[in-house]
PDB file of all heavy atoms in Angstrom:
ATOM      1  N   ILE A   1      -7.411 -37.682 -18.704  1.00  0.00           N
ATOM      2  CA  ILE A   1      -7.909 -39.040 -18.968  1.00  0.00           C
ATOM      3  C   ILE A   1      -8.958 -39.383 -17.866  1.00  0.00           C
ATOM      4  O   ILE A   1      -8.580 -39.339 -16.686  1.00  0.00           O
ATOM      5  CB  ILE A   1      -6.748 -40.037 -18.927  1.00  0.00           C
ATOM      6  CG1 ILE A   1      -5.739 -39.707 -20.048  1.00  0.00           C
ATOM      7  CG2 ILE A   1      -7.294 -41.476 -19.135  1.00  0.00           C
ATOM      8  CD1 ILE A   1      -4.457 -40.449 -19.980  1.00  0.00           C
ATOM      9  N   PRO A   2     -10.175 -39.635 -18.234  1.00  0.00           N
ATOM     10  CA  PRO A   2     -11.217 -39.836 -17.231  1.00  0.00           C
ATOM     11  C   PRO A   2     -10.905 -41.018 -16.352  1.00  0.00           C
ATOM     12  O   PRO A   2     -10.311 -42.011 -16.743  1.00  0.00           O
ATOM     13  CB  PRO A   2     -12.489 -40.115 -18.107  1.00  0.00           C
ATOM     14  CG  PRO A   2     -12.116 -39.543 -19.423  1.00  0.00           C
ATOM     15  CD  PRO A   2     -10.633 -39.715 -19.616  1.00  0.00           C
ATOM     16  N   LEU A   3     -11.388 -40.987 -15.163  1.00  0.00           N
ATOM     17  CA  LEU A   3     -11.078 -42.006 -14.117  1.00  0.00           C
ATOM     18  C   LEU A   3     -11.811 -43.306 -14.494  1.00  0.00           C
ATOM     19  O   LEU A   3     -11.395 -44.362 -14.030  1.00  0.00           O
ATOM     20  CB  LEU A   3     -11.605 -41.542 -12.752  1.00  0.00           C
ATOM     21  CG  LEU A   3     -13.099 -41.158 -12.595  1.00  0.00           C
ATOM     22  CD1 LEU A   3     -13.883 -42.423 -12.246  1.00  0.00           C
ATOM     23  CD2 LEU A   3     -13.242 -40.143 -11.532  1.00  0.00           C
ATOM     24  N   TYR A   4     -12.827 -43.244 -15.389  1.00  0.00           N
ATOM     25  CA  TYR A   4     -13.515 -44.479 -15.691  1.00  0.00           C
ATOM     26  C   TYR A   4     -12.845 -45.302 -16.768  1.00  0.00           C
ATOM     27  O   TYR A   4     -13.265 -46.391 -17.164  1.00  0.00           O
ATOM     28  CB  TYR A   4     -14.997 -44.186 -16.126  1.00  0.00           C
ATOM     29  CG  TYR A   4     -15.158 -42.969 -17.086  1.00  0.00           C
ATOM     30  CD1 TYR A   4     -14.743 -43.107 -18.438  1.00  0.00           C
ATOM     31  CD2 TYR A   4     -15.593 -41.782 -16.647  1.00  0.00           C
ATOM     32  CE1 TYR A   4     -14.901 -42.039 -19.224  1.00  0.00           C
ATOM     33  CE2 TYR A   4     -15.731 -40.706 -17.527  1.00  0.00           C
ATOM     34  CZ  TYR A   4     -15.354 -40.881 -18.818  1.00  0.00           C
ATOM     35  OH  TYR A   4     -15.500 -39.763 -19.646  1.00  0.00           O
ATOM     36  N   GLN A   5     -11.801 -44.709 -17.383  1.00  0.00           N
ATOM     37  CA  GLN A   5     -11.053 -45.440 -18.420  1.00  0.00           C
ATOM     38  C   GLN A   5     -10.070 -46.448 -17.770  1.00  0.00           C
ATOM     39  O   GLN A   5      -9.741 -46.354 -16.595  1.00  0.00           O
ATOM     40  CB  GLN A   5     -10.364 -44.543 -19.398  1.00  0.00           C
ATOM     41  CG  GLN A   5     -11.332 -43.809 -20.340  1.00  0.00           C
ATOM     42  CD  GLN A   5     -10.652 -43.222 -21.574  1.00  0.00           C
ATOM     43  OE1 GLN A   5      -9.544 -43.639 -21.933  1.00  0.00           O
ATOM     44  NE2 GLN A   5     -11.285 -42.347 -22.236  1.00  0.00           N
ATOM     45  N   ARG A   6      -9.575 -47.344 -18.622  1.00  0.00           N
ATOM     46  CA  ARG A   6      -8.667 -48.366 -18.090  1.00  0.00           C
ATOM     47  C   ARG A   6      -7.343 -47.770 -17.660  1.00  0.00           C
ATOM     48  O   ARG A   6      -6.859 -46.754 -18.184  1.00  0.00           O
ATOM     49  CB  ARG A   6      -8.459 -49.454 -19.152  1.00  0.00           C
ATOM     50  CG  ARG A   6      -9.621 -50.266 -19.483  1.00  0.00           C
ATOM     51  CD  ARG A   6      -9.373 -51.115 -20.736  1.00  0.00           C
ATOM     52  NE  ARG A   6     -10.505 -51.977 -21.046  1.00  0.00           N
ATOM     53  CZ  ARG A   6     -10.637 -52.650 -22.157  1.00  0.00           C
ATOM     54  NH1 ARG A   6      -9.738 -52.532 -23.130  1.00  0.00           N
ATOM     55  NH2 ARG A   6     -11.740 -53.378 -22.367  1.00  0.00           N
ATOM     56  N   PRO A   7      -6.644 -48.404 -16.717  1.00  0.00           N
ATOM     57  CA  PRO A   7      -5.327 -47.952 -16.408  1.00  0.00           C
ATOM     58  C   PRO A   7      -4.319 -48.176 -17.504  1.00  0.00           C
ATOM     59  O   PRO A   7      -4.660 -48.825 -18.520  1.00  0.00           O
ATOM     60  CB  PRO A   7      -4.953 -48.742 -15.117  1.00  0.00           C
ATOM     61  CG  PRO A   7      -5.793 -50.001 -15.248  1.00  0.00           C
ATOM     62  CD  PRO A   7      -7.060 -49.601 -15.926  1.00  0.00           C
ATOM     63  N   TYR A   8      -3.119 -47.681 -17.307  1.00  0.00           N
ATOM     64  CA  TYR A   8      -2.032 -47.867 -18.309  1.00  0.00           C
ATOM     65  C   TYR A   8      -1.638 -49.311 -18.494  1.00  0.00           C
ATOM     66  O   TYR A   8      -1.369 -49.999 -17.462  1.00  0.00           O
ATOM     67  CB  TYR A   8      -0.900 -47.018 -17.917  1.00  0.00           C
ATOM     68  CG  TYR A   8       0.229 -47.003 -18.985  1.00  0.00           C
ATOM     69  CD1 TYR A   8       0.081 -46.332 -20.201  1.00  0.00           C
ATOM     70  CD2 TYR A   8       1.493 -47.654 -18.744  1.00  0.00           C
ATOM     71  CE1 TYR A   8       1.019 -46.283 -21.117  1.00  0.00           C
ATOM     72  CE2 TYR A   8       2.461 -47.616 -19.703  1.00  0.00           C
ATOM     73  CZ  TYR A   8       2.240 -46.929 -20.906  1.00  0.00           C
ATOM     74  OH  TYR A   8       3.191 -46.915 -21.860  1.00  0.00           O
ATOM     75  N   VAL A   9      -1.683 -49.892 -19.707  1.00  0.00           N
ATOM     76  CA  VAL A   9      -1.495 -51.292 -19.938  1.00  0.00           C
ATOM     77  C   VAL A   9      -0.421 -51.658 -20.997  1.00  0.00           C
ATOM     78  O   VAL A   9      -0.133 -52.721 -21.229  1.00  0.00           O
ATOM     79  CB  VAL A   9      -2.799 -52.039 -20.282  1.00  0.00           C
ATOM     80  CG1 VAL A   9      -3.773 -51.972 -19.112  1.00  0.00           C
ATOM     81  CG2 VAL A   9      -3.434 -51.512 -21.592  1.00  0.00           C
ATOM     82  N   TRP A  10       0.151 -50.544 -21.662  1.00  0.00           N
ATOM     83  CA  TRP A  10       1.112 -50.836 -22.706  1.00  0.00           C
ATOM     84  C   TRP A  10       2.392 -51.427 -22.013  1.00  0.00           C
ATOM     85  O   TRP A  10       2.659 -51.226 -20.794  1.00  0.00           O
ATOM     86  CB  TRP A  10       1.482 -49.562 -23.394  1.00  0.00           C
ATOM     87  CG  TRP A  10       0.517 -49.266 -24.526  1.00  0.00           C
ATOM     88  CD1 TRP A  10      -0.758 -49.770 -24.655  1.00  0.00           C
ATOM     89  CD2 TRP A  10       0.742 -48.366 -25.600  1.00  0.00           C
ATOM     90  NE1 TRP A  10      -1.361 -49.253 -25.779  1.00  0.00           N
ATOM     91  CE2 TRP A  10      -0.424 -48.391 -26.395  1.00  0.00           C
ATOM     92  CE3 TRP A  10       1.791 -47.530 -26.020  1.00  0.00           C
ATOM     93  CZ2 TRP A  10      -0.624 -47.601 -27.565  1.00  0.00           C
ATOM     94  CZ3 TRP A  10       1.644 -46.774 -27.159  1.00  0.00           C
ATOM     95  CH2 TRP A  10       0.486 -46.814 -27.880  1.00  0.00           C
ATOM     96  N   ASN A  11       3.064 -52.313 -22.823  1.00  0.00           N
ATOM     97  CA  ASN A  11       4.217 -53.001 -22.248  1.00  0.00           C
ATOM     98  C   ASN A  11       5.378 -53.026 -23.216  1.00  0.00           C
ATOM     99  O   ASN A  11       5.256 -52.587 -24.326  1.00  0.00           O
ATOM    100  CB  ASN A  11       3.824 -54.412 -21.838  1.00  0.00           C
ATOM    101  CG  ASN A  11       3.361 -55.236 -23.066  1.00  0.00           C
ATOM    102  OD1 ASN A  11       4.073 -55.421 -24.120  1.00  0.00           O
ATOM    103  ND2 ASN A  11       2.097 -55.725 -22.985  1.00  0.00           N
ATOM    104  N   GLU A  12       6.533 -53.544 -22.762  1.00  0.00           N
ATOM    105  CA  GLU A  12       7.741 -53.415 -23.569  1.00  0.00           C
ATOM    106  C   GLU A  12       7.707 -54.212 -24.909  1.00  0.00           C
ATOM    107  O   GLU A  12       8.013 -53.694 -25.981  1.00  0.00           O
ATOM    108  CB  GLU A  12       8.955 -53.957 -22.711  1.00  0.00           C
ATOM    109  CG  GLU A  12      10.277 -53.987 -23.486  1.00  0.00           C
ATOM    110  CD  GLU A  12      11.430 -54.539 -22.678  1.00  0.00           C
ATOM    111  OE1 GLU A  12      11.234 -54.628 -21.477  1.00  0.00           O
ATOM    112  OE2 GLU A  12      12.485 -54.800 -23.291  1.00  0.00           O
ATOM    113  N   GLU A  13       7.245 -55.444 -24.794  1.00  0.00           N
ATOM    114  CA  GLU A  13       7.259 -56.267 -26.014  1.00  0.00           C
ATOM    115  C   GLU A  13       6.308 -55.780 -27.095  1.00  0.00           C
ATOM    116  O   GLU A  13       6.746 -55.732 -28.272  1.00  0.00           O
ATOM    117  CB  GLU A  13       6.835 -57.659 -25.601  1.00  0.00           C
ATOM    118  CG  GLU A  13       6.850 -58.686 -26.781  1.00  0.00           C
ATOM    119  CD  GLU A  13       6.410 -60.064 -26.373  1.00  0.00           C
ATOM    120  OE1 GLU A  13       6.146 -60.312 -25.187  1.00  0.00           O
ATOM    121  OE2 GLU A  13       6.399 -60.928 -27.280  1.00  0.00           O
ATOM    122  N   GLN A  14       5.170 -55.383 -26.723  1.00  0.00           N
ATOM    123  CA  GLN A  14       4.169 -55.034 -27.757  1.00  0.00           C
ATOM    124  C   GLN A  14       4.123 -53.569 -28.168  1.00  0.00           C
ATOM    125  O   GLN A  14       3.739 -53.238 -29.264  1.00  0.00           O
ATOM    126  CB  GLN A  14       2.793 -55.373 -27.270  1.00  0.00           C
ATOM    127  CG  GLN A  14       2.547 -56.899 -27.079  1.00  0.00           C
ATOM    128  CD  GLN A  14       1.215 -57.267 -26.531  1.00  0.00           C
ATOM    129  OE1 GLN A  14       0.809 -56.838 -25.423  1.00  0.00           O
ATOM    130  NE2 GLN A  14       0.479 -58.023 -27.310  1.00  0.00           N
ATOM    131  N   GLN A  15       4.604 -52.670 -27.241  1.00  0.00           N
ATOM    132  CA  GLN A  15       4.525 -51.242 -27.565  1.00  0.00           C
ATOM    133  C   GLN A  15       5.779 -50.447 -27.390  1.00  0.00           C
ATOM    134  O   GLN A  15       6.249 -49.750 -28.334  1.00  0.00           O
ATOM    135  CB  GLN A  15       3.412 -50.529 -26.764  1.00  0.00           C
ATOM    136  CG  GLN A  15       1.987 -50.901 -27.205  1.00  0.00           C
ATOM    137  CD  GLN A  15       1.422 -52.120 -26.483  1.00  0.00           C
ATOM    138  OE1 GLN A  15       1.917 -52.525 -25.429  1.00  0.00           O
ATOM    139  NE2 GLN A  15       0.360 -52.710 -27.085  1.00  0.00           N
ATOM    140  N   TRP A  16       6.454 -50.554 -26.207  1.00  0.00           N
ATOM    141  CA  TRP A  16       7.583 -49.688 -25.933  1.00  0.00           C
ATOM    142  C   TRP A  16       8.752 -49.950 -26.936  1.00  0.00           C
ATOM    143  O   TRP A  16       9.311 -49.035 -27.517  1.00  0.00           O
ATOM    144  CB  TRP A  16       8.094 -49.769 -24.554  1.00  0.00           C
ATOM    145  CG  TRP A  16       7.031 -49.666 -23.458  1.00  0.00           C
ATOM    146  CD1 TRP A  16       5.809 -49.037 -23.582  1.00  0.00           C
ATOM    147  CD2 TRP A  16       7.080 -50.214 -22.155  1.00  0.00           C
ATOM    148  NE1 TRP A  16       5.130 -49.172 -22.433  1.00  0.00           N
ATOM    149  CE2 TRP A  16       5.857 -49.846 -21.506  1.00  0.00           C
ATOM    150  CE3 TRP A  16       8.003 -50.978 -21.488  1.00  0.00           C
ATOM    151  CZ2 TRP A  16       5.523 -50.264 -20.244  1.00  0.00           C
ATOM    152  CZ3 TRP A  16       7.736 -51.382 -20.149  1.00  0.00           C
ATOM    153  CH2 TRP A  16       6.536 -50.981 -19.569  1.00  0.00           C
ATOM    154  N   ALA A  17       9.113 -51.271 -27.019  1.00  0.00           N
ATOM    155  CA  ALA A  17      10.272 -51.608 -27.885  1.00  0.00           C
ATOM    156  C   ALA A  17       9.995 -51.279 -29.337  1.00  0.00           C
ATOM    157  O   ALA A  17      10.864 -50.660 -30.061  1.00  0.00           O
ATOM    158  CB  ALA A  17      10.570 -53.102 -27.723  1.00  0.00           C
ATOM    159  N   PRO A  18       8.789 -51.578 -29.911  1.00  0.00           N
ATOM    160  CA  PRO A  18       8.571 -51.216 -31.293  1.00  0.00           C
ATOM    161  C   PRO A  18       8.587 -49.691 -31.479  1.00  0.00           C
ATOM    162  O   PRO A  18       9.119 -49.178 -32.518  1.00  0.00           O
ATOM    163  CB  PRO A  18       7.162 -51.693 -31.527  1.00  0.00           C
ATOM    164  CG  PRO A  18       7.040 -52.927 -30.583  1.00  0.00           C
ATOM    165  CD  PRO A  18       7.744 -52.470 -29.396  1.00  0.00           C
ATOM    166  N   LEU A  19       8.112 -48.921 -30.503  1.00  0.00           N
ATOM    167  CA  LEU A  19       8.145 -47.437 -30.629  1.00  0.00           C
ATOM    168  C   LEU A  19       9.593 -46.966 -30.595  1.00  0.00           C
ATOM    169  O   LEU A  19       9.974 -46.118 -31.343  1.00  0.00           O
ATOM    170  CB  LEU A  19       7.356 -46.802 -29.442  1.00  0.00           C
ATOM    171  CG  LEU A  19       7.460 -45.315 -29.326  1.00  0.00           C
ATOM    172  CD1 LEU A  19       6.971 -44.597 -30.574  1.00  0.00           C
ATOM    173  CD2 LEU A  19       6.660 -44.791 -28.117  1.00  0.00           C
ATOM    174  N   TRP A  20      10.408 -47.498 -29.741  1.00  0.00           N
ATOM    175  CA  TRP A  20      11.821 -47.088 -29.709  1.00  0.00           C
ATOM    176  C   TRP A  20      12.537 -47.482 -31.004  1.00  0.00           C
ATOM    177  O   TRP A  20      13.326 -46.757 -31.550  1.00  0.00           O
ATOM    178  CB  TRP A  20      12.516 -47.720 -28.483  1.00  0.00           C
ATOM    179  CG  TRP A  20      13.934 -47.162 -28.435  1.00  0.00           C
ATOM    180  CD1 TRP A  20      15.112 -47.805 -28.718  1.00  0.00           C
ATOM    181  CD2 TRP A  20      14.301 -45.906 -27.969  1.00  0.00           C
ATOM    182  NE1 TRP A  20      16.199 -47.013 -28.582  1.00  0.00           N
ATOM    183  CE2 TRP A  20      15.758 -45.801 -28.076  1.00  0.00           C
ATOM    184  CE3 TRP A  20      13.673 -44.763 -27.528  1.00  0.00           C
ATOM    185  CZ2 TRP A  20      16.481 -44.692 -27.821  1.00  0.00           C
ATOM    186  CZ3 TRP A  20      14.366 -43.617 -27.218  1.00  0.00           C
ATOM    187  CH2 TRP A  20      15.746 -43.561 -27.359  1.00  0.00           C
ATOM    188  N   GLU A  21      12.257 -48.668 -31.504  1.00  0.00           N
ATOM    189  CA  GLU A  21      12.822 -49.078 -32.735  1.00  0.00           C
ATOM    190  C   GLU A  21      12.465 -48.096 -33.863  1.00  0.00           C
ATOM    191  O   GLU A  21      13.258 -47.847 -34.760  1.00  0.00           O
ATOM    192  CB  GLU A  21      12.400 -50.541 -33.118  1.00  0.00           C
ATOM    193  CG  GLU A  21      13.003 -51.568 -32.222  1.00  0.00           C
ATOM    194  CD  GLU A  21      12.380 -52.930 -32.333  1.00  0.00           C
ATOM    195  OE1 GLU A  21      11.470 -53.081 -33.225  1.00  0.00           O
ATOM    196  OE2 GLU A  21      12.735 -53.878 -31.588  1.00  0.00           O
ATOM    197  N   ASP A  22      11.211 -47.688 -33.917  1.00  0.00           N
ATOM    198  CA  ASP A  22      10.750 -46.712 -34.929  1.00  0.00           C
ATOM    199  C   ASP A  22      11.539 -45.382 -34.759  1.00  0.00           C
ATOM    200  O   ASP A  22      11.949 -44.736 -35.774  1.00  0.00           O
ATOM    201  CB  ASP A  22       9.315 -46.449 -34.785  1.00  0.00           C
ATOM    202  CG  ASP A  22       8.438 -47.611 -35.199  1.00  0.00           C
ATOM    203  OD1 ASP A  22       8.892 -48.457 -35.935  1.00  0.00           O
ATOM    204  OD2 ASP A  22       7.222 -47.727 -34.688  1.00  0.00           O
ATOM    205  N   LEU A  23      11.788 -45.028 -33.481  1.00  0.00           N
ATOM    206  CA  LEU A  23      12.527 -43.824 -33.249  1.00  0.00           C
ATOM    207  C   LEU A  23      13.990 -43.922 -33.721  1.00  0.00           C
ATOM    208  O   LEU A  23      14.554 -43.021 -34.306  1.00  0.00           O
ATOM    209  CB  LEU A  23      12.414 -43.465 -31.756  1.00  0.00           C
ATOM    210  CG  LEU A  23      12.855 -42.028 -31.320  1.00  0.00           C
ATOM    211  CD1 LEU A  23      11.952 -41.024 -31.969  1.00  0.00           C
ATOM    212  CD2 LEU A  23      12.729 -41.913 -29.798  1.00  0.00           C
ATOM    213  N   VAL A  24      14.559 -45.076 -33.425  1.00  0.00           N
ATOM    214  CA  VAL A  24      15.944 -45.344 -33.884  1.00  0.00           C
ATOM    215  C   VAL A  24      16.040 -45.317 -35.409  1.00  0.00           C
ATOM    216  O   VAL A  24      16.990 -44.816 -36.012  1.00  0.00           O
ATOM    217  CB  VAL A  24      16.392 -46.678 -33.316  1.00  0.00           C
ATOM    218  CG1 VAL A  24      17.738 -47.157 -34.011  1.00  0.00           C
ATOM    219  CG2 VAL A  24      16.661 -46.568 -31.813  1.00  0.00           C
ATOM    220  N   ALA A  25      15.033 -45.921 -36.101  1.00  0.00           N
ATOM    221  CA  ALA A  25      15.047 -45.904 -37.546  1.00  0.00           C
ATOM    222  C   ALA A  25      15.024 -44.431 -38.081  1.00  0.00           C
ATOM    223  O   ALA A  25      15.706 -44.150 -39.058  1.00  0.00           O
ATOM    224  CB  ALA A  25      13.841 -46.641 -38.111  1.00  0.00           C
ATOM    225  N   LEU A  26      14.234 -43.546 -37.453  1.00  0.00           N
ATOM    226  CA  LEU A  26      14.209 -42.097 -37.822  1.00  0.00           C
ATOM    227  C   LEU A  26      15.585 -41.511 -37.596  1.00  0.00           C
ATOM    228  O   LEU A  26      16.081 -40.709 -38.400  1.00  0.00           O
ATOM    229  CB  LEU A  26      13.132 -41.414 -37.073  1.00  0.00           C
ATOM    230  CG  LEU A  26      11.752 -41.794 -37.408  1.00  0.00           C
ATOM    231  CD1 LEU A  26      10.762 -41.070 -36.415  1.00  0.00           C
ATOM    232  CD2 LEU A  26      11.330 -41.394 -38.837  1.00  0.00           C
ATOM    233  N   LEU A  27      16.234 -41.880 -36.418  1.00  0.00           N
ATOM    234  CA  LEU A  27      17.530 -41.301 -36.161  1.00  0.00           C
ATOM    235  C   LEU A  27      18.581 -41.696 -37.199  1.00  0.00           C
ATOM    236  O   LEU A  27      19.424 -40.894 -37.657  1.00  0.00           O
ATOM    237  CB  LEU A  27      17.961 -41.750 -34.772  1.00  0.00           C
ATOM    238  CG  LEU A  27      17.206 -41.073 -33.556  1.00  0.00           C
ATOM    239  CD1 LEU A  27      17.502 -41.885 -32.274  1.00  0.00           C
ATOM    240  CD2 LEU A  27      17.595 -39.637 -33.451  1.00  0.00           C
ATOM    241  N   GLN A  28      18.556 -42.990 -37.488  1.00  0.00           N
ATOM    242  CA  GLN A  28      19.504 -43.547 -38.514  1.00  0.00           C
ATOM    243  C   GLN A  28      19.328 -42.811 -39.858  1.00  0.00           C
ATOM    244  O   GLN A  28      20.320 -42.432 -40.482  1.00  0.00           O
ATOM    245  CB  GLN A  28      19.330 -44.996 -38.691  1.00  0.00           C
ATOM    246  CG  GLN A  28      19.791 -45.855 -37.482  1.00  0.00           C
ATOM    247  CD  GLN A  28      19.492 -47.297 -37.606  1.00  0.00           C
ATOM    248  OE1 GLN A  28      18.483 -47.640 -38.333  1.00  0.00           O
ATOM    249  NE2 GLN A  28      20.280 -48.174 -36.985  1.00  0.00           N
ATOM    250  N   HIS A  29      18.097 -42.603 -40.288  1.00  0.00           N
ATOM    251  CA  HIS A  29      17.824 -41.974 -41.523  1.00  0.00           C
ATOM    252  C   HIS A  29      18.250 -40.528 -41.516  1.00  0.00           C
ATOM    253  O   HIS A  29      18.848 -39.987 -42.490  1.00  0.00           O
ATOM    254  CB  HIS A  29      16.364 -42.067 -41.901  1.00  0.00           C
ATOM    255  CG  HIS A  29      16.013 -41.543 -43.245  1.00  0.00           C
ATOM    256  ND1 HIS A  29      16.289 -42.202 -44.473  1.00  0.00           N
ATOM    257  CD2 HIS A  29      15.504 -40.340 -43.630  1.00  0.00           C
ATOM    258  CE1 HIS A  29      15.892 -41.489 -45.432  1.00  0.00           C
ATOM    259  NE2 HIS A  29      15.418 -40.318 -44.954  1.00  0.00           N
ATOM    260  N   GLN A  30      18.011 -39.888 -40.370  1.00  0.00           N
ATOM    261  CA  GLN A  30      18.417 -38.421 -40.231  1.00  0.00           C
ATOM    262  C   GLN A  30      19.974 -38.328 -40.257  1.00  0.00           C
ATOM    263  O   GLN A  30      20.494 -37.420 -40.896  1.00  0.00           O
ATOM    264  CB  GLN A  30      17.932 -37.872 -38.909  1.00  0.00           C
ATOM    265  CG  GLN A  30      18.088 -36.431 -38.742  1.00  0.00           C
ATOM    266  CD  GLN A  30      17.490 -35.859 -37.449  1.00  0.00           C
ATOM    267  OE1 GLN A  30      16.773 -36.592 -36.772  1.00  0.00           O
ATOM    268  NE2 GLN A  30      17.784 -34.641 -37.069  1.00  0.00           N
ATOM    269  N   GLU A  31      20.696 -39.277 -39.660  1.00  0.00           N
ATOM    270  CA  GLU A  31      22.137 -39.225 -39.706  1.00  0.00           C
ATOM    271  C   GLU A  31      22.697 -39.389 -41.106  1.00  0.00           C
ATOM    272  O   GLU A  31      23.599 -38.732 -41.543  1.00  0.00           O
ATOM    273  CB  GLU A  31      22.616 -40.335 -38.802  1.00  0.00           C
ATOM    274  CG  GLU A  31      22.438 -40.100 -37.320  1.00  0.00           C
ATOM    275  CD  GLU A  31      22.731 -41.358 -36.478  1.00  0.00           C
ATOM    276  OE1 GLU A  31      23.299 -42.358 -37.104  1.00  0.00           O
ATOM    277  OE2 GLU A  31      22.398 -41.418 -35.303  1.00  0.00           O
ATOM    278  N   ASN A  32      21.979 -40.267 -41.917  1.00  0.00           N
ATOM    279  CA  ASN A  32      22.446 -40.572 -43.269  1.00  0.00           C
ATOM    280  C   ASN A  32      22.027 -39.572 -44.335  1.00  0.00           C
ATOM    281  O   ASN A  32      22.694 -39.215 -45.206  1.00  0.00           O
ATOM    282  CB  ASN A  32      22.015 -41.954 -43.714  1.00  0.00           C
ATOM    283  CG  ASN A  32      22.553 -42.972 -42.804  1.00  0.00           C
ATOM    284  OD1 ASN A  32      23.672 -42.894 -42.304  1.00  0.00           O
ATOM    285  ND2 ASN A  32      21.855 -44.132 -42.587  1.00  0.00           N
ATOM    286  N   ALA A  33      20.817 -39.010 -44.124  1.00  0.00           N
ATOM    287  CA  ALA A  33      20.174 -38.160 -45.142  1.00  0.00           C
ATOM    288  C   ALA A  33      20.410 -36.693 -44.889  1.00  0.00           C
ATOM    289  O   ALA A  33      20.165 -35.816 -45.734  1.00  0.00           O
ATOM    290  CB  ALA A  33      18.692 -38.365 -45.222  1.00  0.00           C
ATOM    291  N   GLY A  34      20.832 -36.358 -43.665  1.00  0.00           N
ATOM    292  CA  GLY A  34      21.046 -34.967 -43.316  1.00  0.00           C
ATOM    293  C   GLY A  34      19.640 -34.243 -43.219  1.00  0.00           C
ATOM    294  O   GLY A  34      18.704 -34.899 -42.778  1.00  0.00           O
ATOM    295  N   GLU A  35      19.585 -33.016 -43.643  1.00  0.00           N
ATOM    296  CA  GLU A  35      18.347 -32.263 -43.545  1.00  0.00           C
ATOM    297  C   GLU A  35      17.416 -32.482 -44.718  1.00  0.00           C
ATOM    298  O   GLU A  35      16.282 -31.993 -44.791  1.00  0.00           O
ATOM    299  CB  GLU A  35      18.650 -30.793 -43.395  1.00  0.00           C
ATOM    300  CG  GLU A  35      19.354 -30.446 -42.103  1.00  0.00           C
ATOM    301  CD  GLU A  35      19.606 -28.899 -41.923  1.00  0.00           C
ATOM    302  OE1 GLU A  35      19.138 -28.176 -42.879  1.00  0.00           O
ATOM    303  OE2 GLU A  35      20.179 -28.511 -40.926  1.00  0.00           O
ATOM    304  N   SER A  36      17.937 -33.156 -45.738  1.00  0.00           N
ATOM    305  CA  SER A  36      17.039 -33.379 -46.844  1.00  0.00           C
ATOM    306  C   SER A  36      16.447 -34.777 -46.887  1.00  0.00           C
ATOM    307  O   SER A  36      17.039 -35.750 -46.472  1.00  0.00           O
ATOM    308  CB  SER A  36      17.906 -33.262 -48.218  1.00  0.00           C
ATOM    309  OG  SER A  36      18.956 -34.249 -48.190  1.00  0.00           O
ATOM    310  N   GLY A  37      15.225 -34.832 -47.277  1.00  0.00           N
ATOM    311  CA  GLY A  37      14.512 -36.115 -47.385  1.00  0.00           C
ATOM    312  C   GLY A  37      14.251 -36.726 -46.030  1.00  0.00           C
ATOM    313  O   GLY A  37      14.314 -37.978 -45.973  1.00  0.00           O
ATOM    314  N   LEU A  38      13.981 -35.946 -44.990  1.00  0.00           N
ATOM    315  CA  LEU A  38      13.737 -36.536 -43.690  1.00  0.00           C
ATOM    316  C   LEU A  38      12.463 -37.388 -43.652  1.00  0.00           C
ATOM    317  O   LEU A  38      11.453 -36.924 -44.255  1.00  0.00           O
ATOM    318  CB  LEU A  38      13.726 -35.483 -42.643  1.00  0.00           C
ATOM    319  CG  LEU A  38      15.042 -34.782 -42.327  1.00  0.00           C
ATOM    320  CD1 LEU A  38      14.811 -33.782 -41.252  1.00  0.00           C
ATOM    321  CD2 LEU A  38      16.094 -35.753 -41.929  1.00  0.00           C
ATOM    322  N   TRP A  39      12.436 -38.462 -42.960  1.00  0.00           N
ATOM    323  CA  TRP A  39      11.213 -39.255 -42.813  1.00  0.00           C
ATOM    324  C   TRP A  39      10.443 -38.677 -41.593  1.00  0.00           C
ATOM    325  O   TRP A  39      10.978 -37.995 -40.765  1.00  0.00           O
ATOM    326  CB  TRP A  39      11.567 -40.661 -42.404  1.00  0.00           C
ATOM    327  CG  TRP A  39      12.121 -41.524 -43.619  1.00  0.00           C
ATOM    328  CD1 TRP A  39      12.190 -41.176 -44.878  1.00  0.00           C
ATOM    329  CD2 TRP A  39      12.710 -42.799 -43.464  1.00  0.00           C
ATOM    330  NE1 TRP A  39      12.763 -42.138 -45.541  1.00  0.00           N
ATOM    331  CE2 TRP A  39      13.106 -43.136 -44.724  1.00  0.00           C
ATOM    332  CE3 TRP A  39      12.902 -43.701 -42.386  1.00  0.00           C
ATOM    333  CZ2 TRP A  39      13.674 -44.413 -45.050  1.00  0.00           C
ATOM    334  CZ3 TRP A  39      13.526 -44.912 -42.641  1.00  0.00           C
ATOM    335  CH2 TRP A  39      13.893 -45.179 -43.926  1.00  0.00           C
ATOM    336  N   SER A  40       9.235 -39.045 -41.562  1.00  0.00           N
ATOM    337  CA  SER A  40       8.433 -38.825 -40.377  1.00  0.00           C
ATOM    338  C   SER A  40       7.654 -40.099 -40.037  1.00  0.00           C
ATOM    339  O   SER A  40       7.588 -40.968 -40.917  1.00  0.00           O
ATOM    340  CB  SER A  40       7.460 -37.634 -40.489  1.00  0.00           C
ATOM    341  OG  SER A  40       6.531 -37.888 -41.544  1.00  0.00           O
ATOM    342  N   HIS A  41       7.221 -40.241 -38.843  1.00  0.00           N
ATOM    343  CA  HIS A  41       6.535 -41.510 -38.450  1.00  0.00           C
ATOM    344  C   HIS A  41       5.178 -41.159 -37.801  1.00  0.00           C
ATOM    345  O   HIS A  41       5.068 -40.333 -36.919  1.00  0.00           O
ATOM    346  CB  HIS A  41       7.441 -42.253 -37.468  1.00  0.00           C
ATOM    347  CG  HIS A  41       6.801 -43.550 -37.056  1.00  0.00           C
ATOM    348  ND1 HIS A  41       6.688 -44.620 -37.862  1.00  0.00           N
ATOM    349  CD2 HIS A  41       6.238 -43.930 -35.820  1.00  0.00           C
ATOM    350  CE1 HIS A  41       6.085 -45.699 -37.200  1.00  0.00           C
ATOM    351  NE2 HIS A  41       5.880 -45.195 -35.957  1.00  0.00           N
ATOM    352  N   PHE A  42       4.190 -41.885 -38.311  1.00  0.00           N
ATOM    353  CA  PHE A  42       2.794 -41.619 -37.801  1.00  0.00           C
ATOM    354  C   PHE A  42       2.495 -42.584 -36.667  1.00  0.00           C
ATOM    355  O   PHE A  42       2.681 -43.791 -36.796  1.00  0.00           O
ATOM    356  CB  PHE A  42       1.815 -41.848 -38.958  1.00  0.00           C
ATOM    357  CG  PHE A  42       0.321 -41.825 -38.517  1.00  0.00           C
ATOM    358  CD1 PHE A  42      -0.226 -40.730 -37.977  1.00  0.00           C
ATOM    359  CD2 PHE A  42      -0.416 -42.930 -38.655  1.00  0.00           C
ATOM    360  CE1 PHE A  42      -1.544 -40.675 -37.599  1.00  0.00           C
ATOM    361  CE2 PHE A  42      -1.726 -42.947 -38.300  1.00  0.00           C
ATOM    362  CZ  PHE A  42      -2.291 -41.760 -37.768  1.00  0.00           C
TER     363      PHE A  42
END
């Protein structure tokens, strides 16, 4: 990452918590669906 770009600015409310919630949704679907019909997240 070039030195001229901005420093790290993501935060819990806007990025980390939503990302973890998306990961939890994938985990829940994997637990319920098994190996068939797995979701992915972009």
